Amino acid sequence: MLAPGLLALAAVTLFPGLYLLYMSVFGITAFSPEVPFVGLDNFRTLLRSATFWDALSVTLLFVGLSTGLSLLLGLALALALSEELRGRGAIRALL
C-alpha cells in the first residue's frame, strides 16, 4: 500500500538530487553548448567566496530567529489559551 507513494516520493526527490550532483561537477553555462568537466572546482570557488559565507550567515540567523520566535509565540499562545479566559472558546474556534 505504501509502494506507490514511496516510488513517487523517490522519483520526486532522487532524480533532482542526482541531477544536481551531476550539474555541480560540470561547468554548465546558460548559452554554451559545451559542458566541460570541472570536478570540485565549483565547490572550491563557492567555499572561497565571501558572498557565500555572508549569505549562509544571514540564512542561519533568519532560520534561528524565525524558529525561536515562532516557538516562543506558539508556546505563549498555548499557555494563554489553556487558562480560563473570557472569549477563550471563540479564540480557539478562530485558530
C-alpha atoms as a PDB file:
ATOM      1  CA  MET A   1       0.000   0.000   0.000  1.00  0.00           C
ATOM      2  CA  LEU A   2       2.899   2.343   0.623  1.00  0.00           C
ATOM      3  CA  ALA A   3       4.843   1.427  -2.518  1.00  0.00           C
ATOM      4  CA  PRO A   4       3.167   3.892  -4.954  1.00  0.00           C
ATOM      5  CA  GLY A   5       3.638   6.799  -2.583  1.00  0.00           C
ATOM      6  CA  LEU A   6       7.223   5.856  -1.804  1.00  0.00           C
ATOM      7  CA  LEU A   7       8.012   5.456  -5.504  1.00  0.00           C
ATOM      8  CA  ALA A   8       6.532   8.862  -6.267  1.00  0.00           C
ATOM      9  CA  LEU A   9       8.467  10.421  -3.382  1.00  0.00           C
ATOM     10  CA  ALA A  10      11.679   8.753  -4.537  1.00  0.00           C
ATOM     11  CA  ALA A  11      11.122   9.959  -8.104  1.00  0.00           C
ATOM     12  CA  VAL A  12      10.459  13.499  -6.953  1.00  0.00           C
ATOM     13  CA  THR A  13      13.479  13.643  -4.634  1.00  0.00           C
ATOM     14  CA  LEU A  14      16.104  11.268  -6.063  1.00  0.00           C
ATOM     15  CA  PHE A  15      16.087  12.377  -9.685  1.00  0.00           C
ATOM     16  CA  PRO A  16      16.502  16.102  -8.941  1.00  0.00           C
ATOM     17  CA  GLY A  17      19.129  15.340  -6.296  1.00  0.00           C
ATOM     18  CA  LEU A  18      21.193  13.176  -8.622  1.00  0.00           C
ATOM     19  CA  TYR A  19      20.828  15.699 -11.429  1.00  0.00           C
ATOM     20  CA  LEU A  20      22.016  18.419  -9.047  1.00  0.00           C
ATOM     21  CA  LEU A  21      25.124  16.381  -8.225  1.00  0.00           C
ATOM     22  CA  TYR A  22      25.732  15.877 -11.942  1.00  0.00           C
ATOM     23  CA  MET A  23      25.424  19.587 -12.667  1.00  0.00           C
ATOM     24  CA  SER A  24      27.669  20.538  -9.754  1.00  0.00           C
ATOM     25  CA  VAL A  25      30.740  18.835 -11.245  1.00  0.00           C
ATOM     26  CA  PHE A  26      30.327  20.311 -14.723  1.00  0.00           C
ATOM     27  CA  GLY A  27      30.833  23.886 -15.875  1.00  0.00           C
ATOM     28  CA  ILE A  28      27.309  24.428 -17.180  1.00  0.00           C
ATOM     29  CA  THR A  29      26.558  27.889 -18.536  1.00  0.00           C
ATOM     30  CA  ALA A  30      23.316  29.246 -19.925  1.00  0.00           C
ATOM     31  CA  PHE A  31      24.047  29.579 -23.641  1.00  0.00           C
ATOM     32  CA  SER A  32      27.097  27.369 -24.173  1.00  0.00           C
ATOM     33  CA  PRO A  33      26.653  24.013 -25.925  1.00  0.00           C
ATOM     34  CA  GLU A  34      29.908  22.768 -24.361  1.00  0.00           C
ATOM     35  CA  VAL A  35      29.767  21.226 -20.898  1.00  0.00           C
ATOM     36  CA  PRO A  36      33.313  20.845 -19.542  1.00  0.00           C
ATOM     37  CA  PHE A  37      34.009  18.658 -16.530  1.00  0.00           C
ATOM     38  CA  VAL A  38      35.392  20.836 -13.717  1.00  0.00           C
ATOM     39  CA  GLY A  39      35.269  18.377 -10.830  1.00  0.00           C
ATOM     40  CA  LEU A  40      35.305  20.023  -7.415  1.00  0.00           C
ATOM     41  CA  ASP A  41      36.341  23.472  -8.680  1.00  0.00           C
ATOM     42  CA  ASN A  42      32.781  24.748  -8.299  1.00  0.00           C
ATOM     43  CA  PHE A  43      32.871  23.808  -4.615  1.00  0.00           C
ATOM     44  CA  ARG A  44      36.310  25.359  -4.099  1.00  0.00           C
ATOM     45  CA  THR A  45      35.080  28.579  -5.694  1.00  0.00           C
ATOM     46  CA  LEU A  46      31.978  28.535  -3.524  1.00  0.00           C
ATOM     47  CA  LEU A  47      33.876  27.987  -0.282  1.00  0.00           C
ATOM     48  CA  ARG A  48      36.309  30.806  -1.101  1.00  0.00           C
ATOM     49  CA  SER A  49      33.522  33.277  -1.891  1.00  0.00           C
ATOM     50  CA  ALA A  50      32.798  35.911   0.750  1.00  0.00           C
ATOM     51  CA  THR A  51      29.293  36.312  -0.691  1.00  0.00           C
ATOM     52  CA  PHE A  52      28.521  32.649   0.072  1.00  0.00           C
ATOM     53  CA  TRP A  53      29.602  32.979   3.693  1.00  0.00           C
ATOM     54  CA  ASP A  54      27.602  36.207   4.092  1.00  0.00           C
ATOM     55  CA  ALA A  55      24.511  34.552   2.614  1.00  0.00           C
ATOM     56  CA  LEU A  56      24.982  31.484   4.812  1.00  0.00           C
ATOM     57  CA  SER A  57      25.291  33.570   7.987  1.00  0.00           C
ATOM     58  CA  VAL A  58      22.195  35.625   7.111  1.00  0.00           C
ATOM     59  CA  THR A  59      20.251  32.439   6.341  1.00  0.00           C
ATOM     60  CA  LEU A  60      21.265  30.772   9.605  1.00  0.00           C
ATOM     61  CA  LEU A  61      20.407  33.919  11.554  1.00  0.00           C
ATOM     62  CA  PHE A  62      16.998  34.131   9.862  1.00  0.00           C
ATOM     63  CA  VAL A  63      16.246  30.450  10.466  1.00  0.00           C
ATOM     64  CA  GLY A  64      17.338  30.630  14.092  1.00  0.00           C
ATOM     65  CA  LEU A  65      15.387  33.777  14.886  1.00  0.00           C
ATOM     66  CA  SER A  66      12.235  32.815  12.994  1.00  0.00           C
ATOM     67  CA  THR A  67      12.180  29.331  14.518  1.00  0.00           C
ATOM     68  CA  GLY A  68      12.844  30.635  18.008  1.00  0.00           C
ATOM     69  CA  LEU A  69      10.255  33.409  17.781  1.00  0.00           C
ATOM     70  CA  SER A  70       7.656  31.041  16.311  1.00  0.00           C
ATOM     71  CA  LEU A  71       8.291  28.573  19.103  1.00  0.00           C
ATOM     72  CA  LEU A  72       8.022  31.241  21.801  1.00  0.00           C
ATOM     73  CA  LEU A  73       4.910  32.806  20.279  1.00  0.00           C
ATOM     74  CA  GLY A  74       3.223  29.418  19.898  1.00  0.00           C
ATOM     75  CA  LEU A  75       4.094  28.435  23.456  1.00  0.00           C
ATOM     76  CA  ALA A  76       2.831  31.744  24.835  1.00  0.00           C
ATOM     77  CA  LEU A  77      -0.413  31.407  22.867  1.00  0.00           C
ATOM     78  CA  ALA A  78      -0.895  27.813  24.008  1.00  0.00           C
ATOM     79  CA  LEU A  79      -0.306  28.765  27.633  1.00  0.00           C
ATOM     80  CA  ALA A  80      -2.661  31.728  27.345  1.00  0.00           C
ATOM     81  CA  LEU A  81      -5.426  29.604  25.824  1.00  0.00           C
ATOM     82  CA  SER A  82      -5.064  26.907  28.459  1.00  0.00           C
ATOM     83  CA  GLU A  83      -6.137  29.375  31.141  1.00  0.00           C
ATOM     84  CA  GLU A  84      -9.753  30.210  31.914  1.00  0.00           C
ATOM     85  CA  LEU A  85     -10.155  33.446  29.973  1.00  0.00           C
ATOM     86  CA  ARG A  86     -13.190  35.259  28.683  1.00  0.00           C
ATOM     87  CA  GLY A  87     -13.632  34.501  24.962  1.00  0.00           C
ATOM     88  CA  ARG A  88     -11.289  31.538  25.056  1.00  0.00           C
ATOM     89  CA  GLY A  89     -13.707  29.352  23.100  1.00  0.00           C
ATOM     90  CA  ALA A  90     -14.091  31.943  20.359  1.00  0.00           C
ATOM     91  CA  ILE A  91     -10.337  32.375  20.048  1.00  0.00           C
ATOM     92  CA  ARG A  92      -9.844  28.615  19.912  1.00  0.00           C
ATOM     93  CA  ALA A  93     -12.513  28.350  17.217  1.00  0.00           C
ATOM     94  CA  LEU A  94     -10.795  31.063  15.176  1.00  0.00           C
ATOM     95  CA  LEU A  95      -7.448  29.324  15.498  1.00  0.00           C
END
